[in-house]
Amino acid sequence: MGKPHHQTGHVMTYEQRSVIADEQKIKDDLNKEIDQTATDEDIKETQEYITRITRQMEQIKRRQQMERRMMDVHNSINEHSHSSMVVRSLVETVCFIVVTSFQIYVVKKWFESSTPLLGR
């Protein structure tokens, strides 16, 4: 809140204190703006900084493009691998079904036959 006024002994309200602080801040900002004019050296440093940032952005863009190409290649490889795996799995399933059907047929015929196949 601050110290009491030396003549009246009253303490400032929060509103008065914030108004005075705002006025002081505005005065300080104006003084800084007057003192901080850009020199040729400042402009040159800023241009160099912008040039460096531009180069770094270009490098980042190139890396991103390269990463995108690599991701596209990996995606196509993965899709091909997946499709070939599905085909192999389907072929394997069909083979198991055929072999199982043949085994069932053989066992059925064995039980249906009147002559024993094992033994005499």
N, C-alpha and C. Protein backbone atom coordinates (compact mmCIF):
# COMPACT_ATOMS: atom_id res chain seq x y z
N MET A 1 0.82 -1.19 0.00
CA MET A 1 0.00 0.00 0.00
C MET A 1 0.86 1.25 0.00
N GLY A 2 1.93 1.21 0.63
CA GLY A 2 2.80 2.37 0.62
C GLY A 2 2.78 3.10 1.97
N LYS A 3 3.57 4.16 2.03
CA LYS A 3 3.68 4.93 3.26
C LYS A 3 2.57 5.97 3.33
N PRO A 4 2.22 6.42 4.53
CA PRO A 4 1.23 7.49 4.65
C PRO A 4 1.78 8.79 4.08
N HIS A 5 0.87 9.62 3.59
CA HIS A 5 1.25 10.92 3.04
C HIS A 5 1.86 11.74 4.16
N HIS A 6 2.97 12.46 3.88
CA HIS A 6 3.70 13.15 4.94
C HIS A 6 2.93 14.36 5.50
N GLN A 7 2.04 14.96 4.72
CA GLN A 7 1.30 16.11 5.20
C GLN A 7 -0.03 15.72 5.84
N THR A 8 -0.77 14.84 5.17
CA THR A 8 -2.11 14.51 5.66
C THR A 8 -2.13 13.28 6.54
N GLY A 9 -1.17 12.38 6.39
CA GLY A 9 -1.14 11.16 7.18
C GLY A 9 -2.05 10.07 6.63
N HIS A 10 -2.68 10.34 5.49
CA HIS A 10 -3.57 9.35 4.88
C HIS A 10 -2.77 8.34 4.06
N VAL A 11 -3.32 7.17 3.97
CA VAL A 11 -2.73 6.11 3.15
C VAL A 11 -3.47 6.09 1.81
N MET A 12 -2.71 5.90 0.71
CA MET A 12 -3.34 5.85 -0.62
C MET A 12 -4.20 4.61 -0.76
N THR A 13 -5.28 4.74 -1.54
CA THR A 13 -6.11 3.58 -1.84
C THR A 13 -5.41 2.74 -2.91
N TYR A 14 -5.89 1.51 -3.08
CA TYR A 14 -5.31 0.64 -4.12
C TYR A 14 -5.49 1.25 -5.50
N GLU A 15 -6.63 1.89 -5.72
CA GLU A 15 -6.90 2.49 -7.02
C GLU A 15 -5.93 3.63 -7.29
N GLN A 16 -5.69 4.50 -6.30
CA GLN A 16 -4.74 5.61 -6.50
C GLN A 16 -3.34 5.06 -6.74
N ARG A 17 -2.99 4.05 -5.98
CA ARG A 17 -1.65 3.46 -6.12
C ARG A 17 -1.48 2.86 -7.52
N SER A 18 -2.50 2.16 -8.05
CA SER A 18 -2.37 1.56 -9.38
C SER A 18 -2.33 2.63 -10.46
N VAL A 19 -3.06 3.72 -10.31
CA VAL A 19 -3.02 4.81 -11.28
C VAL A 19 -1.63 5.42 -11.33
N ILE A 20 -1.04 5.67 -10.19
CA ILE A 20 0.31 6.25 -10.13
C ILE A 20 1.33 5.28 -10.73
N ALA A 21 1.18 3.97 -10.42
CA ALA A 21 2.11 2.97 -10.97
C ALA A 21 1.98 2.89 -12.48
N ASP A 22 0.74 2.94 -13.00
CA ASP A 22 0.53 2.91 -14.45
C ASP A 22 1.15 4.12 -15.13
N GLU A 23 0.97 5.30 -14.53
CA GLU A 23 1.56 6.53 -15.10
C GLU A 23 3.08 6.43 -15.12
N GLN A 24 3.65 5.92 -14.05
CA GLN A 24 5.11 5.78 -13.98
C GLN A 24 5.61 4.79 -15.03
N LYS A 25 4.86 3.70 -15.22
CA LYS A 25 5.25 2.70 -16.22
C LYS A 25 5.21 3.30 -17.62
N ILE A 26 4.18 4.08 -17.93
CA ILE A 26 4.07 4.74 -19.24
C ILE A 26 5.25 5.69 -19.45
N LYS A 27 5.61 6.46 -18.41
CA LYS A 27 6.75 7.39 -18.53
C LYS A 27 8.04 6.61 -18.78
N ASP A 28 8.23 5.50 -18.04
CA ASP A 28 9.45 4.70 -18.22
C ASP A 28 9.52 4.11 -19.62
N ASP A 29 8.39 3.63 -20.12
CA ASP A 29 8.36 3.06 -21.47
C ASP A 29 8.70 4.12 -22.52
N LEU A 30 8.16 5.32 -22.37
CA LEU A 30 8.47 6.39 -23.32
C LEU A 30 9.95 6.73 -23.29
N ASN A 31 10.54 6.79 -22.09
CA ASN A 31 11.97 7.09 -21.98
C ASN A 31 12.81 5.99 -22.63
N LYS A 32 12.40 4.73 -22.47
CA LYS A 32 13.14 3.63 -23.08
C LYS A 32 13.06 3.71 -24.60
N GLU A 33 11.86 4.03 -25.12
CA GLU A 33 11.70 4.12 -26.57
C GLU A 33 12.56 5.22 -27.15
N ILE A 34 12.68 6.30 -26.44
CA ILE A 34 13.51 7.42 -26.92
C ILE A 34 14.98 7.01 -26.90
N ASP A 35 15.39 6.30 -25.85
CA ASP A 35 16.80 5.91 -25.71
C ASP A 35 17.17 4.76 -26.62
N GLN A 36 16.21 3.99 -27.09
CA GLN A 36 16.52 2.79 -27.84
C GLN A 36 16.20 2.93 -29.33
N THR A 37 16.88 3.80 -29.99
CA THR A 37 16.71 3.90 -31.44
C THR A 37 17.67 2.91 -32.08
N ALA A 38 17.27 2.34 -33.20
CA ALA A 38 18.06 1.31 -33.86
C ALA A 38 19.23 1.95 -34.61
N THR A 39 20.39 1.36 -34.45
CA THR A 39 21.58 1.81 -35.17
C THR A 39 21.81 0.89 -36.36
N ASP A 40 22.75 1.30 -37.22
CA ASP A 40 23.09 0.46 -38.38
C ASP A 40 23.61 -0.90 -37.93
N GLU A 41 24.36 -0.92 -36.84
CA GLU A 41 24.89 -2.17 -36.32
C GLU A 41 23.76 -3.09 -35.85
N ASP A 42 22.75 -2.50 -35.20
CA ASP A 42 21.60 -3.30 -34.76
C ASP A 42 20.87 -3.89 -35.96
N ILE A 43 20.71 -3.11 -37.01
CA ILE A 43 20.01 -3.58 -38.21
C ILE A 43 20.81 -4.71 -38.87
N LYS A 44 22.15 -4.54 -38.91
CA LYS A 44 22.99 -5.57 -39.51
C LYS A 44 22.90 -6.88 -38.71
N GLU A 45 22.95 -6.77 -37.38
CA GLU A 45 22.84 -7.97 -36.55
C GLU A 45 21.48 -8.64 -36.74
N THR A 46 20.45 -7.83 -36.85
CA THR A 46 19.11 -8.38 -37.06
C THR A 46 19.02 -9.10 -38.40
N GLN A 47 19.59 -8.51 -39.45
CA GLN A 47 19.59 -9.16 -40.76
C GLN A 47 20.35 -10.47 -40.74
N GLU A 48 21.50 -10.50 -40.04
CA GLU A 48 22.27 -11.74 -39.92
C GLU A 48 21.47 -12.80 -39.17
N TYR A 49 20.79 -12.37 -38.13
CA TYR A 49 19.97 -13.29 -37.35
C TYR A 49 18.83 -13.86 -38.21
N ILE A 50 18.20 -13.00 -38.99
CA ILE A 50 17.13 -13.45 -39.87
C ILE A 50 17.67 -14.42 -40.92
N THR A 51 18.87 -14.14 -41.45
CA THR A 51 19.49 -15.03 -42.42
C THR A 51 19.75 -16.41 -41.81
N ARG A 52 20.28 -16.43 -40.58
CA ARG A 52 20.53 -17.70 -39.90
C ARG A 52 19.23 -18.48 -39.68
N ILE A 53 18.21 -17.77 -39.26
CA ILE A 53 16.93 -18.43 -39.02
C ILE A 53 16.36 -18.99 -40.32
N THR A 54 16.50 -18.24 -41.41
CA THR A 54 16.02 -18.69 -42.71
C THR A 54 16.75 -19.96 -43.14
N ARG A 55 18.08 -19.99 -42.95
CA ARG A 55 18.85 -21.19 -43.30
C ARG A 55 18.39 -22.39 -42.46
N GLN A 56 18.20 -22.16 -41.18
CA GLN A 56 17.76 -23.26 -40.32
C GLN A 56 16.37 -23.76 -40.73
N MET A 57 15.50 -22.84 -41.10
CA MET A 57 14.17 -23.25 -41.56
C MET A 57 14.26 -24.08 -42.82
N GLU A 58 15.14 -23.69 -43.75
CA GLU A 58 15.32 -24.46 -44.98
C GLU A 58 15.85 -25.86 -44.68
N GLN A 59 16.80 -25.94 -43.74
CA GLN A 59 17.32 -27.26 -43.34
C GLN A 59 16.20 -28.12 -42.75
N ILE A 60 15.38 -27.51 -41.92
CA ILE A 60 14.28 -28.25 -41.31
C ILE A 60 13.30 -28.72 -42.38
N LYS A 61 13.02 -27.85 -43.37
CA LYS A 61 12.11 -28.24 -44.45
C LYS A 61 12.68 -29.42 -45.23
N ARG A 62 13.99 -29.37 -45.55
CA ARG A 62 14.60 -30.47 -46.28
C ARG A 62 14.53 -31.77 -45.48
N ARG A 63 14.82 -31.69 -44.18
CA ARG A 63 14.75 -32.89 -43.34
C ARG A 63 13.34 -33.45 -43.30
N GLN A 64 12.36 -32.56 -43.20
CA GLN A 64 10.97 -33.02 -43.17
C GLN A 64 10.60 -33.69 -44.48
N GLN A 65 11.02 -33.13 -45.61
CA GLN A 65 10.74 -33.75 -46.90
C GLN A 65 11.39 -35.12 -47.00
N MET A 66 12.63 -35.21 -46.54
CA MET A 66 13.33 -36.49 -46.56
C MET A 66 12.62 -37.51 -45.67
N GLU A 67 12.20 -37.07 -44.49
CA GLU A 67 11.48 -37.97 -43.58
C GLU A 67 10.16 -38.42 -44.19
N ARG A 68 9.47 -37.52 -44.86
CA ARG A 68 8.21 -37.88 -45.51
C ARG A 68 8.44 -38.93 -46.59
N ARG A 69 9.50 -38.74 -47.40
CA ARG A 69 9.82 -39.73 -48.43
C ARG A 69 10.12 -41.08 -47.80
N MET A 70 10.92 -41.08 -46.74
CA MET A 70 11.25 -42.33 -46.06
C MET A 70 10.00 -42.99 -45.49
N MET A 71 9.10 -42.19 -44.93
CA MET A 71 7.85 -42.74 -44.40
C MET A 71 7.00 -43.35 -45.51
N ASP A 72 6.98 -42.69 -46.67
CA ASP A 72 6.23 -43.24 -47.81
C ASP A 72 6.81 -44.58 -48.25
N VAL A 73 8.13 -44.65 -48.33
CA VAL A 73 8.79 -45.90 -48.72
C VAL A 73 8.48 -46.99 -47.69
N HIS A 74 8.61 -46.66 -46.41
CA HIS A 74 8.33 -47.66 -45.37
C HIS A 74 6.88 -48.10 -45.39
N ASN A 75 5.97 -47.16 -45.64
CA ASN A 75 4.56 -47.52 -45.71
C ASN A 75 4.29 -48.47 -46.87
N SER A 76 4.89 -48.20 -48.02
CA SER A 76 4.66 -49.09 -49.16
C SER A 76 5.25 -50.48 -48.89
N ILE A 77 6.43 -50.52 -48.27
CA ILE A 77 7.04 -51.81 -47.92
C ILE A 77 6.14 -52.56 -46.94
N ASN A 78 5.64 -51.85 -45.95
CA ASN A 78 4.77 -52.49 -44.96
C ASN A 78 3.47 -53.00 -45.59
N GLU A 79 2.91 -52.23 -46.50
CA GLU A 79 1.68 -52.67 -47.17
C GLU A 79 1.94 -53.93 -47.99
N HIS A 80 3.05 -53.94 -48.71
CA HIS A 80 3.39 -55.11 -49.51
C HIS A 80 3.61 -56.33 -48.61
N SER A 81 4.35 -56.14 -47.53
CA SER A 81 4.60 -57.25 -46.60
C SER A 81 3.29 -57.77 -46.02
N HIS A 82 2.42 -56.85 -45.68
CA HIS A 82 1.14 -57.26 -45.09
C HIS A 82 0.30 -58.05 -46.10
N SER A 83 0.24 -57.56 -47.33
CA SER A 83 -0.56 -58.27 -48.34
C SER A 83 0.01 -59.65 -48.63
N SER A 84 1.34 -59.75 -48.73
CA SER A 84 1.93 -61.07 -49.00
C SER A 84 1.72 -62.00 -47.81
N MET A 85 1.75 -61.45 -46.59
CA MET A 85 1.51 -62.27 -45.41
C MET A 85 0.07 -62.78 -45.39
N VAL A 86 -0.86 -61.95 -45.80
CA VAL A 86 -2.27 -62.36 -45.86
C VAL A 86 -2.45 -63.47 -46.89
N VAL A 87 -1.81 -63.32 -48.05
CA VAL A 87 -1.93 -64.35 -49.09
C VAL A 87 -1.33 -65.67 -48.60
N ARG A 88 -0.15 -65.61 -47.99
CA ARG A 88 0.48 -66.83 -47.47
C ARG A 88 -0.39 -67.49 -46.41
N SER A 89 -0.96 -66.68 -45.56
CA SER A 89 -1.82 -67.21 -44.50
C SER A 89 -3.05 -67.88 -45.10
N LEU A 90 -3.62 -67.28 -46.13
CA LEU A 90 -4.79 -67.87 -46.80
C LEU A 90 -4.43 -69.21 -47.46
N VAL A 91 -3.28 -69.24 -48.15
CA VAL A 91 -2.83 -70.47 -48.80
C VAL A 91 -2.59 -71.56 -47.75
N GLU A 92 -1.97 -71.20 -46.65
CA GLU A 92 -1.70 -72.16 -45.58
C GLU A 92 -2.99 -72.70 -45.00
N THR A 93 -3.97 -71.84 -44.81
CA THR A 93 -5.27 -72.27 -44.28
C THR A 93 -5.95 -73.23 -45.24
N VAL A 94 -5.92 -72.92 -46.53
CA VAL A 94 -6.52 -73.81 -47.54
C VAL A 94 -5.82 -75.16 -47.53
N CYS A 95 -4.49 -75.17 -47.45
CA CYS A 95 -3.74 -76.44 -47.40
C CYS A 95 -4.14 -77.27 -46.17
N PHE A 96 -4.26 -76.63 -45.01
CA PHE A 96 -4.66 -77.34 -43.80
C PHE A 96 -6.06 -77.94 -43.96
N ILE A 97 -6.96 -77.19 -44.57
CA ILE A 97 -8.32 -77.69 -44.77
C ILE A 97 -8.31 -78.89 -45.72
N VAL A 98 -7.53 -78.82 -46.80
CA VAL A 98 -7.45 -79.94 -47.76
C VAL A 98 -6.85 -81.17 -47.08
N VAL A 99 -5.76 -80.99 -46.35
CA VAL A 99 -5.12 -82.13 -45.67
C VAL A 99 -6.05 -82.72 -44.64
N THR A 100 -6.74 -81.89 -43.88
CA THR A 100 -7.68 -82.38 -42.87
C THR A 100 -8.83 -83.12 -43.52
N SER A 101 -9.34 -82.60 -44.63
CA SER A 101 -10.43 -83.28 -45.35
C SER A 101 -9.96 -84.64 -45.85
N PHE A 102 -8.76 -84.72 -46.38
CA PHE A 102 -8.22 -86.00 -46.86
C PHE A 102 -8.07 -86.98 -45.71
N GLN A 103 -7.59 -86.50 -44.57
CA GLN A 103 -7.45 -87.39 -43.41
C GLN A 103 -8.80 -87.92 -42.94
N ILE A 104 -9.80 -87.04 -42.93
CA ILE A 104 -11.14 -87.47 -42.52
C ILE A 104 -11.67 -88.52 -43.51
N TYR A 105 -11.45 -88.30 -44.79
CA TYR A 105 -11.89 -89.25 -45.83
C TYR A 105 -11.22 -90.60 -45.63
N VAL A 106 -9.91 -90.61 -45.41
CA VAL A 106 -9.18 -91.86 -45.24
C VAL A 106 -9.66 -92.59 -44.00
N VAL A 107 -9.83 -91.88 -42.89
CA VAL A 107 -10.27 -92.54 -41.65
C VAL A 107 -11.69 -93.09 -41.83
N LYS A 108 -12.55 -92.34 -42.50
CA LYS A 108 -13.93 -92.80 -42.73
C LYS A 108 -13.93 -94.08 -43.57
N LYS A 109 -13.14 -94.08 -44.65
CA LYS A 109 -13.06 -95.26 -45.50
C LYS A 109 -12.50 -96.46 -44.72
N TRP A 110 -11.56 -96.22 -43.86
CA TRP A 110 -10.93 -97.28 -43.07
C TRP A 110 -11.95 -97.94 -42.16
N PHE A 111 -12.81 -97.07 -41.52
CA PHE A 111 -13.82 -97.63 -40.63
C PHE A 111 -14.95 -98.30 -41.41
N GLU A 112 -15.23 -97.84 -42.63
CA GLU A 112 -16.32 -98.41 -43.43
C GLU A 112 -15.91 -99.71 -44.12
N SER A 113 -14.64 -99.94 -44.31
CA SER A 113 -14.21 -101.11 -45.06
C SER A 113 -14.50 -102.38 -44.26
N SER A 114 -14.87 -103.43 -45.02
CA SER A 114 -15.18 -104.69 -44.37
C SER A 114 -13.92 -105.52 -44.08
N THR A 115 -12.91 -105.25 -44.84
CA THR A 115 -11.66 -105.98 -44.64
C THR A 115 -10.75 -105.15 -43.76
N PRO A 116 -10.18 -105.76 -42.78
CA PRO A 116 -9.27 -105.01 -41.92
C PRO A 116 -7.98 -104.66 -42.66
N LEU A 117 -7.60 -103.41 -42.54
CA LEU A 117 -6.38 -102.97 -43.20
C LEU A 117 -5.15 -103.24 -42.34
N LEU A 118 -5.34 -103.29 -41.05
CA LEU A 118 -4.23 -103.51 -40.15
C LEU A 118 -4.24 -104.97 -39.70
N GLY A 119 -3.33 -105.69 -40.04
CA GLY A 119 -3.28 -107.07 -39.56
C GLY A 119 -3.73 -108.06 -40.63
N ARG A 120 -4.20 -109.17 -40.25
CA ARG A 120 -4.52 -110.33 -41.07
C ARG A 120 -5.22 -110.01 -42.29
